[in-house]
Amino acid sequence: MTCAEMGGPCDTAITADTQDEMMSKGMAHMEEVHPEMAADIKAMPHDDPKMVEWNQKFQADWASKPEDAPEEDAAPMTAPEEAHEEEEMAS
């Protein structure tokens, strides 16, 4: 799935083997790349209607994703150190 498919603002691809792992990796991405949005999400009660709606959509989207589906047009998720090294190599 991508950050955008999970409700985020970018097209970074995030991969996981389980729903829980995807949610965990998605939040880790949000905290690192979109910290203000992550803080808003964490401040929201789990029973907030927006959170309930997001969770239902996420579960449906996860269930409909083929296990081996390639993420077309999605930027691969790289660690900040790797991204920095790639920038230095390109220079």
N, C-alpha and C. Protein backbone atom coordinates (compact mmCIF):
# COMPACT_ATOMS: atom_id res chain seq x y z
N MET A 1 0.86 -1.18 0.00
CA MET A 1 0.00 0.00 0.00
C MET A 1 0.90 1.23 0.00
N THR A 2 0.32 2.34 -0.34
CA THR A 2 1.08 3.59 -0.28
C THR A 2 0.59 4.43 0.90
N CYS A 3 1.38 5.40 1.25
CA CYS A 3 0.99 6.36 2.29
C CYS A 3 -0.37 6.96 1.93
N ALA A 4 -0.53 7.36 0.67
CA ALA A 4 -1.78 7.97 0.22
C ALA A 4 -2.96 7.01 0.36
N GLU A 5 -2.74 5.73 0.05
CA GLU A 5 -3.83 4.76 0.18
C GLU A 5 -4.25 4.58 1.64
N MET A 6 -3.33 4.91 2.55
CA MET A 6 -3.65 4.81 3.97
C MET A 6 -4.13 6.15 4.54
N GLY A 7 -4.34 7.14 3.66
CA GLY A 7 -4.86 8.42 4.10
C GLY A 7 -3.81 9.50 4.23
N GLY A 8 -2.56 9.19 3.95
CA GLY A 8 -1.48 10.16 4.05
C GLY A 8 -1.33 10.99 2.80
N PRO A 9 -0.38 11.94 2.82
CA PRO A 9 -0.23 12.87 1.72
C PRO A 9 0.77 12.50 0.63
N CYS A 10 1.47 11.36 0.73
CA CYS A 10 2.49 11.06 -0.28
C CYS A 10 2.30 9.66 -0.86
N ASP A 11 3.10 9.35 -1.87
CA ASP A 11 2.98 8.08 -2.57
C ASP A 11 4.06 7.08 -2.18
N THR A 12 4.66 7.23 -1.01
CA THR A 12 5.67 6.29 -0.57
C THR A 12 5.04 4.91 -0.39
N ALA A 13 5.67 3.90 -0.96
CA ALA A 13 5.18 2.52 -0.83
C ALA A 13 5.58 1.97 0.54
N ILE A 14 4.64 1.33 1.18
CA ILE A 14 4.87 0.70 2.48
C ILE A 14 4.43 -0.75 2.34
N THR A 15 5.31 -1.67 2.69
CA THR A 15 4.98 -3.09 2.55
C THR A 15 4.95 -3.76 3.92
N ALA A 16 4.10 -4.77 4.03
CA ALA A 16 3.98 -5.53 5.28
C ALA A 16 3.29 -6.85 4.99
N ASP A 17 3.44 -7.77 5.91
CA ASP A 17 2.83 -9.09 5.76
C ASP A 17 1.48 -9.21 6.45
N THR A 18 1.21 -8.32 7.42
CA THR A 18 -0.05 -8.38 8.17
C THR A 18 -0.64 -6.98 8.29
N GLN A 19 -1.92 -6.91 8.62
CA GLN A 19 -2.58 -5.62 8.85
C GLN A 19 -1.89 -4.85 9.97
N ASP A 20 -1.61 -5.55 11.07
CA ASP A 20 -0.98 -4.88 12.21
C ASP A 20 0.39 -4.31 11.83
N GLU A 21 1.16 -5.10 11.07
CA GLU A 21 2.47 -4.63 10.64
C GLU A 21 2.33 -3.43 9.71
N MET A 22 1.34 -3.45 8.83
CA MET A 22 1.12 -2.33 7.91
C MET A 22 0.75 -1.07 8.68
N MET A 23 -0.12 -1.21 9.68
CA MET A 23 -0.50 -0.04 10.47
C MET A 23 0.70 0.49 11.25
N SER A 24 1.51 -0.40 11.78
CA SER A 24 2.69 0.00 12.53
C SER A 24 3.71 0.71 11.62
N LYS A 25 3.97 0.12 10.47
CA LYS A 25 4.91 0.74 9.53
C LYS A 25 4.36 2.05 8.97
N GLY A 26 3.05 2.08 8.75
CA GLY A 26 2.42 3.31 8.26
C GLY A 26 2.56 4.44 9.28
N MET A 27 2.36 4.13 10.56
CA MET A 27 2.50 5.15 11.59
C MET A 27 3.95 5.58 11.74
N ALA A 28 4.87 4.62 11.65
CA ALA A 28 6.30 4.96 11.72
C ALA A 28 6.67 5.91 10.59
N HIS A 29 6.16 5.65 9.40
CA HIS A 29 6.39 6.55 8.25
C HIS A 29 5.81 7.93 8.54
N MET A 30 4.58 7.95 9.05
CA MET A 30 3.94 9.24 9.35
C MET A 30 4.75 10.03 10.37
N GLU A 31 5.21 9.36 11.41
CA GLU A 31 5.99 10.04 12.46
C GLU A 31 7.29 10.62 11.89
N GLU A 32 7.90 9.90 10.97
CA GLU A 32 9.18 10.33 10.42
C GLU A 32 9.03 11.40 9.34
N VAL A 33 8.06 11.22 8.45
CA VAL A 33 7.95 12.08 7.28
C VAL A 33 6.85 13.15 7.42
N HIS A 34 5.80 12.83 8.15
CA HIS A 34 4.65 13.74 8.31
C HIS A 34 4.32 13.87 9.80
N PRO A 35 5.24 14.40 10.61
CA PRO A 35 5.05 14.39 12.06
C PRO A 35 3.82 15.14 12.57
N GLU A 36 3.45 16.23 11.93
CA GLU A 36 2.27 16.96 12.39
C GLU A 36 1.01 16.14 12.19
N MET A 37 0.92 15.46 11.05
CA MET A 37 -0.24 14.62 10.78
C MET A 37 -0.27 13.44 11.75
N ALA A 38 0.89 12.86 12.03
CA ALA A 38 0.97 11.74 12.98
C ALA A 38 0.50 12.17 14.36
N ALA A 39 0.89 13.37 14.78
CA ALA A 39 0.47 13.87 16.09
C ALA A 39 -1.04 14.05 16.15
N ASP A 40 -1.63 14.54 15.06
CA ASP A 40 -3.09 14.70 15.01
C ASP A 40 -3.79 13.34 15.11
N ILE A 41 -3.24 12.35 14.42
CA ILE A 41 -3.83 11.01 14.45
C ILE A 41 -3.75 10.43 15.85
N LYS A 42 -2.58 10.56 16.48
CA LYS A 42 -2.39 10.00 17.82
C LYS A 42 -3.29 10.68 18.86
N ALA A 43 -3.61 11.95 18.64
CA ALA A 43 -4.44 12.70 19.58
C ALA A 43 -5.92 12.35 19.44
N MET A 44 -6.28 11.73 18.33
CA MET A 44 -7.68 11.42 18.07
C MET A 44 -8.10 10.15 18.83
N PRO A 45 -9.23 10.17 19.54
CA PRO A 45 -9.70 8.97 20.23
C PRO A 45 -9.99 7.85 19.23
N HIS A 46 -9.74 6.61 19.63
CA HIS A 46 -9.95 5.47 18.74
C HIS A 46 -11.42 5.31 18.34
N ASP A 47 -12.34 5.82 19.17
CA ASP A 47 -13.75 5.68 18.84
C ASP A 47 -14.30 6.90 18.11
N ASP A 48 -13.43 7.84 17.75
CA ASP A 48 -13.84 9.00 16.95
C ASP A 48 -14.40 8.47 15.62
N PRO A 49 -15.51 9.01 15.15
CA PRO A 49 -16.10 8.52 13.90
C PRO A 49 -15.11 8.51 12.72
N LYS A 50 -14.22 9.49 12.66
CA LYS A 50 -13.24 9.52 11.57
C LYS A 50 -12.26 8.34 11.68
N MET A 51 -11.87 7.99 12.91
CA MET A 51 -10.97 6.87 13.11
C MET A 51 -11.67 5.54 12.79
N VAL A 52 -12.92 5.43 13.19
CA VAL A 52 -13.69 4.22 12.91
C VAL A 52 -13.83 4.06 11.40
N GLU A 53 -14.17 5.14 10.71
CA GLU A 53 -14.32 5.10 9.25
C GLU A 53 -12.98 4.75 8.59
N TRP A 54 -11.88 5.36 9.06
CA TRP A 54 -10.57 5.05 8.49
C TRP A 54 -10.25 3.57 8.68
N ASN A 55 -10.48 3.05 9.87
CA ASN A 55 -10.17 1.66 10.16
C ASN A 55 -10.98 0.71 9.27
N GLN A 56 -12.25 1.01 9.07
CA GLN A 56 -13.08 0.17 8.20
C GLN A 56 -12.57 0.20 6.76
N LYS A 57 -12.21 1.39 6.28
CA LYS A 57 -11.69 1.52 4.92
C LYS A 57 -10.35 0.80 4.81
N PHE A 58 -9.46 0.98 5.79
CA PHE A 58 -8.17 0.32 5.76
C PHE A 58 -8.34 -1.19 5.69
N GLN A 59 -9.20 -1.75 6.53
CA GLN A 59 -9.41 -3.20 6.54
C GLN A 59 -9.95 -3.69 5.20
N ALA A 60 -10.88 -2.94 4.61
CA ALA A 60 -11.42 -3.33 3.30
C ALA A 60 -10.34 -3.23 2.23
N ASP A 61 -9.56 -2.16 2.25
CA ASP A 61 -8.48 -1.99 1.26
C ASP A 61 -7.44 -3.09 1.41
N TRP A 62 -7.08 -3.41 2.65
CA TRP A 62 -6.09 -4.47 2.90
C TRP A 62 -6.61 -5.81 2.36
N ALA A 63 -7.86 -6.10 2.64
CA ALA A 63 -8.44 -7.37 2.22
C ALA A 63 -8.52 -7.49 0.69
N SER A 64 -8.66 -6.36 0.00
CA SER A 64 -8.80 -6.39 -1.45
C SER A 64 -7.46 -6.35 -2.19
N LYS A 65 -6.36 -6.11 -1.48
CA LYS A 65 -5.04 -6.05 -2.11
C LYS A 65 -4.53 -7.46 -2.39
N PRO A 66 -4.15 -7.74 -3.63
CA PRO A 66 -3.50 -9.02 -3.90
C PRO A 66 -2.18 -9.09 -3.12
N GLU A 67 -1.83 -10.26 -2.63
CA GLU A 67 -0.64 -10.39 -1.79
C GLU A 67 0.63 -9.98 -2.50
N ASP A 68 0.75 -10.27 -3.80
CA ASP A 68 1.98 -9.98 -4.52
C ASP A 68 1.83 -8.80 -5.47
N ALA A 69 0.89 -7.91 -5.20
CA ALA A 69 0.65 -6.79 -6.10
C ALA A 69 1.82 -5.81 -6.07
N PRO A 70 2.37 -5.48 -7.25
CA PRO A 70 3.43 -4.46 -7.27
C PRO A 70 2.81 -3.09 -7.07
N GLU A 71 3.53 -2.23 -6.42
CA GLU A 71 3.06 -0.87 -6.19
C GLU A 71 3.47 -0.02 -7.38
N GLU A 72 2.56 0.13 -8.35
CA GLU A 72 2.87 0.90 -9.55
C GLU A 72 2.97 2.38 -9.22
N ASP A 73 3.95 3.04 -9.84
CA ASP A 73 4.16 4.47 -9.69
C ASP A 73 4.34 4.92 -8.25
N ALA A 74 4.76 4.04 -7.38
CA ALA A 74 4.97 4.40 -5.98
C ALA A 74 6.46 4.46 -5.69
N ALA A 75 6.86 5.48 -4.98
CA ALA A 75 8.26 5.59 -4.58
C ALA A 75 8.54 4.57 -3.50
N PRO A 76 9.63 3.81 -3.61
CA PRO A 76 9.92 2.84 -2.55
C PRO A 76 10.28 3.53 -1.25
N MET A 77 9.91 2.91 -0.15
CA MET A 77 10.20 3.47 1.17
C MET A 77 11.65 3.16 1.51
N THR A 78 12.43 4.20 1.74
CA THR A 78 13.83 4.01 2.10
C THR A 78 14.09 4.69 3.42
N ALA A 79 15.05 4.16 4.13
CA ALA A 79 15.45 4.78 5.39
C ALA A 79 16.10 6.12 5.08
N PRO A 80 16.01 7.09 5.99
CA PRO A 80 16.58 8.41 5.74
C PRO A 80 18.06 8.35 5.38
N GLU A 81 18.81 7.44 6.01
CA GLU A 81 20.24 7.34 5.72
C GLU A 81 20.45 6.92 4.28
N GLU A 82 19.63 5.96 3.80
CA GLU A 82 19.75 5.48 2.43
C GLU A 82 19.40 6.59 1.45
N ALA A 83 18.35 7.35 1.74
CA ALA A 83 17.96 8.43 0.85
C ALA A 83 19.06 9.47 0.78
N HIS A 84 19.69 9.76 1.91
CA HIS A 84 20.77 10.74 1.94
C HIS A 84 21.96 10.23 1.15
N GLU A 85 22.29 8.95 1.29
CA GLU A 85 23.41 8.36 0.55
C GLU A 85 23.13 8.41 -0.95
N GLU A 86 21.88 8.14 -1.35
CA GLU A 86 21.52 8.18 -2.76
C GLU A 86 21.68 9.59 -3.31
N GLU A 87 21.29 10.60 -2.52
CA GLU A 87 21.45 11.98 -2.96
C GLU A 87 22.92 12.32 -3.15
N GLU A 88 23.78 11.87 -2.22
CA GLU A 88 25.20 12.15 -2.32
C GLU A 88 25.80 11.47 -3.54
N MET A 89 25.37 10.26 -3.85
CA MET A 89 25.87 9.54 -5.00
C MET A 89 25.48 10.23 -6.30
N ALA A 90 24.29 10.82 -6.32
CA ALA A 90 23.80 11.49 -7.51
C ALA A 90 24.52 12.79 -7.76
N SER A 91 25.14 13.36 -6.73
CA SER A 91 25.81 14.65 -6.86
C SER A 91 27.15 14.53 -7.54
